[in-house]
Amino acid sequence: MSEHAGTWSSSVVKTASCAVGDEVVMLPDDVKPGGLIECHGIKQRVTYEFGAWALEKV
C-alpha cells in the first residue's frame, strides 16, 4: 500500500515459494507461466495453477 496526497492505493504483488530454499519470492510484474527466474543460484520455472503461483526446479 502507498499514500500520495492523502489518497491510499494498493496493488497486487505476485509471490511464490522458492523450490530450493524456505522463502517467499516476489515475482516480477510481467512474469508469465513457463517463465524462468533464478533463486539461490538455481533456475526455476514459474507455474500458475488453481489461482496460485509456484516455482519448480528446472
N, C-alpha and C. Protein backbone atom coordinates (compact mmCIF):
# COMPACT_ATOMS: atom_id res chain seq x y z
N MET A 1 0.84 -1.16 0.00
CA MET A 1 0.00 0.00 0.00
C MET A 1 0.88 1.23 0.00
N SER A 2 0.35 2.27 -0.58
CA SER A 2 1.08 3.53 -0.57
C SER A 2 0.10 4.69 -0.44
N GLU A 3 0.61 5.83 0.00
CA GLU A 3 -0.21 7.02 0.18
C GLU A 3 0.42 8.17 -0.58
N HIS A 4 -0.40 8.91 -1.30
CA HIS A 4 0.08 10.09 -2.03
C HIS A 4 -0.99 11.16 -1.94
N ALA A 5 -0.64 12.28 -1.35
CA ALA A 5 -1.54 13.43 -1.21
C ALA A 5 -2.86 13.03 -0.55
N GLY A 6 -2.78 12.19 0.48
CA GLY A 6 -3.97 11.81 1.22
C GLY A 6 -4.79 10.69 0.60
N THR A 7 -4.36 10.16 -0.54
CA THR A 7 -5.08 9.08 -1.20
C THR A 7 -4.27 7.79 -1.09
N TRP A 8 -4.91 6.75 -0.58
CA TRP A 8 -4.25 5.46 -0.43
C TRP A 8 -4.54 4.58 -1.63
N SER A 9 -3.55 3.79 -2.03
CA SER A 9 -3.75 2.84 -3.12
C SER A 9 -3.00 1.56 -2.79
N SER A 10 -3.42 0.49 -3.44
CA SER A 10 -2.75 -0.80 -3.23
C SER A 10 -2.60 -1.50 -4.56
N SER A 11 -1.70 -2.46 -4.61
CA SER A 11 -1.51 -3.23 -5.83
C SER A 11 -1.23 -4.68 -5.45
N VAL A 12 -1.53 -5.57 -6.36
CA VAL A 12 -1.31 -6.99 -6.15
C VAL A 12 0.16 -7.31 -6.37
N VAL A 13 0.76 -8.05 -5.46
CA VAL A 13 2.14 -8.48 -5.59
C VAL A 13 2.13 -9.99 -5.79
N LYS A 14 2.74 -10.44 -6.88
CA LYS A 14 2.81 -11.87 -7.17
C LYS A 14 3.95 -12.48 -6.37
N THR A 15 3.64 -13.54 -5.62
CA THR A 15 4.66 -14.22 -4.84
C THR A 15 4.57 -15.73 -5.05
N ALA A 16 5.68 -16.40 -4.81
CA ALA A 16 5.73 -17.87 -4.89
C ALA A 16 6.79 -18.35 -3.92
N SER A 17 6.63 -19.56 -3.44
CA SER A 17 7.63 -20.15 -2.56
C SER A 17 8.78 -20.69 -3.39
N CYS A 18 10.00 -20.42 -2.96
CA CYS A 18 11.19 -20.93 -3.64
C CYS A 18 11.19 -22.45 -3.56
N ALA A 19 11.53 -23.11 -4.66
CA ALA A 19 11.56 -24.58 -4.70
C ALA A 19 12.81 -25.14 -4.02
N VAL A 20 13.80 -24.29 -3.73
CA VAL A 20 15.06 -24.74 -3.15
C VAL A 20 15.17 -24.34 -1.69
N GLY A 21 14.93 -23.07 -1.39
CA GLY A 21 15.05 -22.57 -0.02
C GLY A 21 13.68 -22.37 0.60
N ASP A 22 13.69 -21.98 1.85
CA ASP A 22 12.45 -21.78 2.58
C ASP A 22 12.14 -20.28 2.65
N GLU A 23 11.80 -19.70 1.51
CA GLU A 23 11.49 -18.28 1.48
C GLU A 23 10.46 -17.98 0.41
N VAL A 24 9.80 -16.84 0.55
CA VAL A 24 8.82 -16.40 -0.43
C VAL A 24 9.52 -15.42 -1.36
N VAL A 25 9.33 -15.60 -2.66
CA VAL A 25 9.98 -14.78 -3.69
C VAL A 25 8.93 -13.86 -4.31
N MET A 26 9.26 -12.57 -4.41
CA MET A 26 8.38 -11.65 -5.13
C MET A 26 8.69 -11.78 -6.61
N LEU A 27 7.68 -12.09 -7.41
CA LEU A 27 7.85 -12.28 -8.84
C LEU A 27 7.70 -10.95 -9.57
N PRO A 28 8.37 -10.79 -10.71
CA PRO A 28 8.24 -9.57 -11.50
C PRO A 28 6.79 -9.38 -11.97
N ASP A 29 6.37 -8.14 -12.17
CA ASP A 29 5.01 -7.84 -12.62
C ASP A 29 4.67 -8.51 -13.94
N ASP A 30 5.67 -8.63 -14.82
CA ASP A 30 5.41 -9.16 -16.16
C ASP A 30 5.64 -10.67 -16.28
N VAL A 31 5.74 -11.37 -15.14
CA VAL A 31 6.00 -12.81 -15.18
C VAL A 31 4.82 -13.55 -15.80
N LYS A 32 5.14 -14.61 -16.52
CA LYS A 32 4.12 -15.45 -17.17
C LYS A 32 4.42 -16.90 -16.81
N PRO A 33 3.39 -17.74 -16.73
CA PRO A 33 3.64 -19.17 -16.51
C PRO A 33 4.59 -19.72 -17.57
N GLY A 34 5.54 -20.52 -17.15
CA GLY A 34 6.53 -21.07 -18.06
C GLY A 34 7.83 -20.26 -18.08
N GLY A 35 7.79 -19.06 -17.53
CA GLY A 35 8.98 -18.23 -17.49
C GLY A 35 10.00 -18.79 -16.49
N LEU A 36 11.23 -18.34 -16.62
CA LEU A 36 12.31 -18.80 -15.72
C LEU A 36 12.79 -17.64 -14.87
N ILE A 37 13.05 -17.92 -13.60
CA ILE A 37 13.71 -16.96 -12.73
C ILE A 37 14.81 -17.71 -12.00
N GLU A 38 15.75 -16.97 -11.43
CA GLU A 38 16.84 -17.59 -10.70
C GLU A 38 16.73 -17.22 -9.23
N CYS A 39 16.79 -18.22 -8.37
CA CYS A 39 16.75 -18.02 -6.93
C CYS A 39 17.70 -19.04 -6.31
N HIS A 40 18.52 -18.61 -5.37
CA HIS A 40 19.54 -19.46 -4.74
C HIS A 40 20.50 -20.04 -5.79
N GLY A 41 20.72 -19.30 -6.88
CA GLY A 41 21.65 -19.75 -7.91
C GLY A 41 21.12 -20.86 -8.79
N ILE A 42 19.82 -21.16 -8.68
CA ILE A 42 19.23 -22.25 -9.47
C ILE A 42 18.06 -21.69 -10.28
N LYS A 43 18.01 -22.05 -11.57
CA LYS A 43 16.90 -21.62 -12.40
C LYS A 43 15.64 -22.39 -12.00
N GLN A 44 14.54 -21.65 -11.91
CA GLN A 44 13.26 -22.24 -11.53
C GLN A 44 12.18 -21.78 -12.49
N ARG A 45 11.30 -22.70 -12.85
CA ARG A 45 10.21 -22.41 -13.78
C ARG A 45 9.00 -21.92 -12.98
N VAL A 46 8.36 -20.87 -13.50
CA VAL A 46 7.18 -20.30 -12.87
C VAL A 46 5.95 -21.06 -13.37
N THR A 47 5.09 -21.47 -12.44
CA THR A 47 3.83 -22.11 -12.81
C THR A 47 2.69 -21.34 -12.17
N TYR A 48 1.50 -21.50 -12.73
CA TYR A 48 0.30 -20.86 -12.19
C TYR A 48 -0.86 -21.82 -12.35
N GLU A 49 -1.34 -22.36 -11.25
CA GLU A 49 -2.46 -23.30 -11.27
C GLU A 49 -3.35 -23.05 -10.06
N PHE A 50 -4.63 -23.23 -10.25
CA PHE A 50 -5.61 -23.11 -9.16
C PHE A 50 -5.49 -21.77 -8.45
N GLY A 51 -5.16 -20.70 -9.19
CA GLY A 51 -5.08 -19.36 -8.62
C GLY A 51 -3.85 -19.07 -7.80
N ALA A 52 -2.80 -19.90 -7.93
CA ALA A 52 -1.59 -19.69 -7.13
C ALA A 52 -0.34 -19.82 -8.00
N TRP A 53 0.65 -18.96 -7.71
CA TRP A 53 1.94 -19.02 -8.38
C TRP A 53 2.84 -19.99 -7.63
N ALA A 54 3.70 -20.70 -8.37
CA ALA A 54 4.65 -21.62 -7.75
C ALA A 54 5.93 -21.66 -8.57
N LEU A 55 7.00 -22.15 -7.96
CA LEU A 55 8.28 -22.33 -8.64
C LEU A 55 8.66 -23.80 -8.55
N GLU A 56 9.24 -24.31 -9.64
CA GLU A 56 9.74 -25.68 -9.63
C GLU A 56 11.13 -25.71 -10.25
N LYS A 57 12.00 -26.56 -9.69
CA LYS A 57 13.37 -26.65 -10.21
C LYS A 57 13.35 -27.12 -11.65
N VAL A 58 14.25 -26.56 -12.44
CA VAL A 58 14.38 -26.93 -13.85
C VAL A 58 15.44 -28.00 -13.97
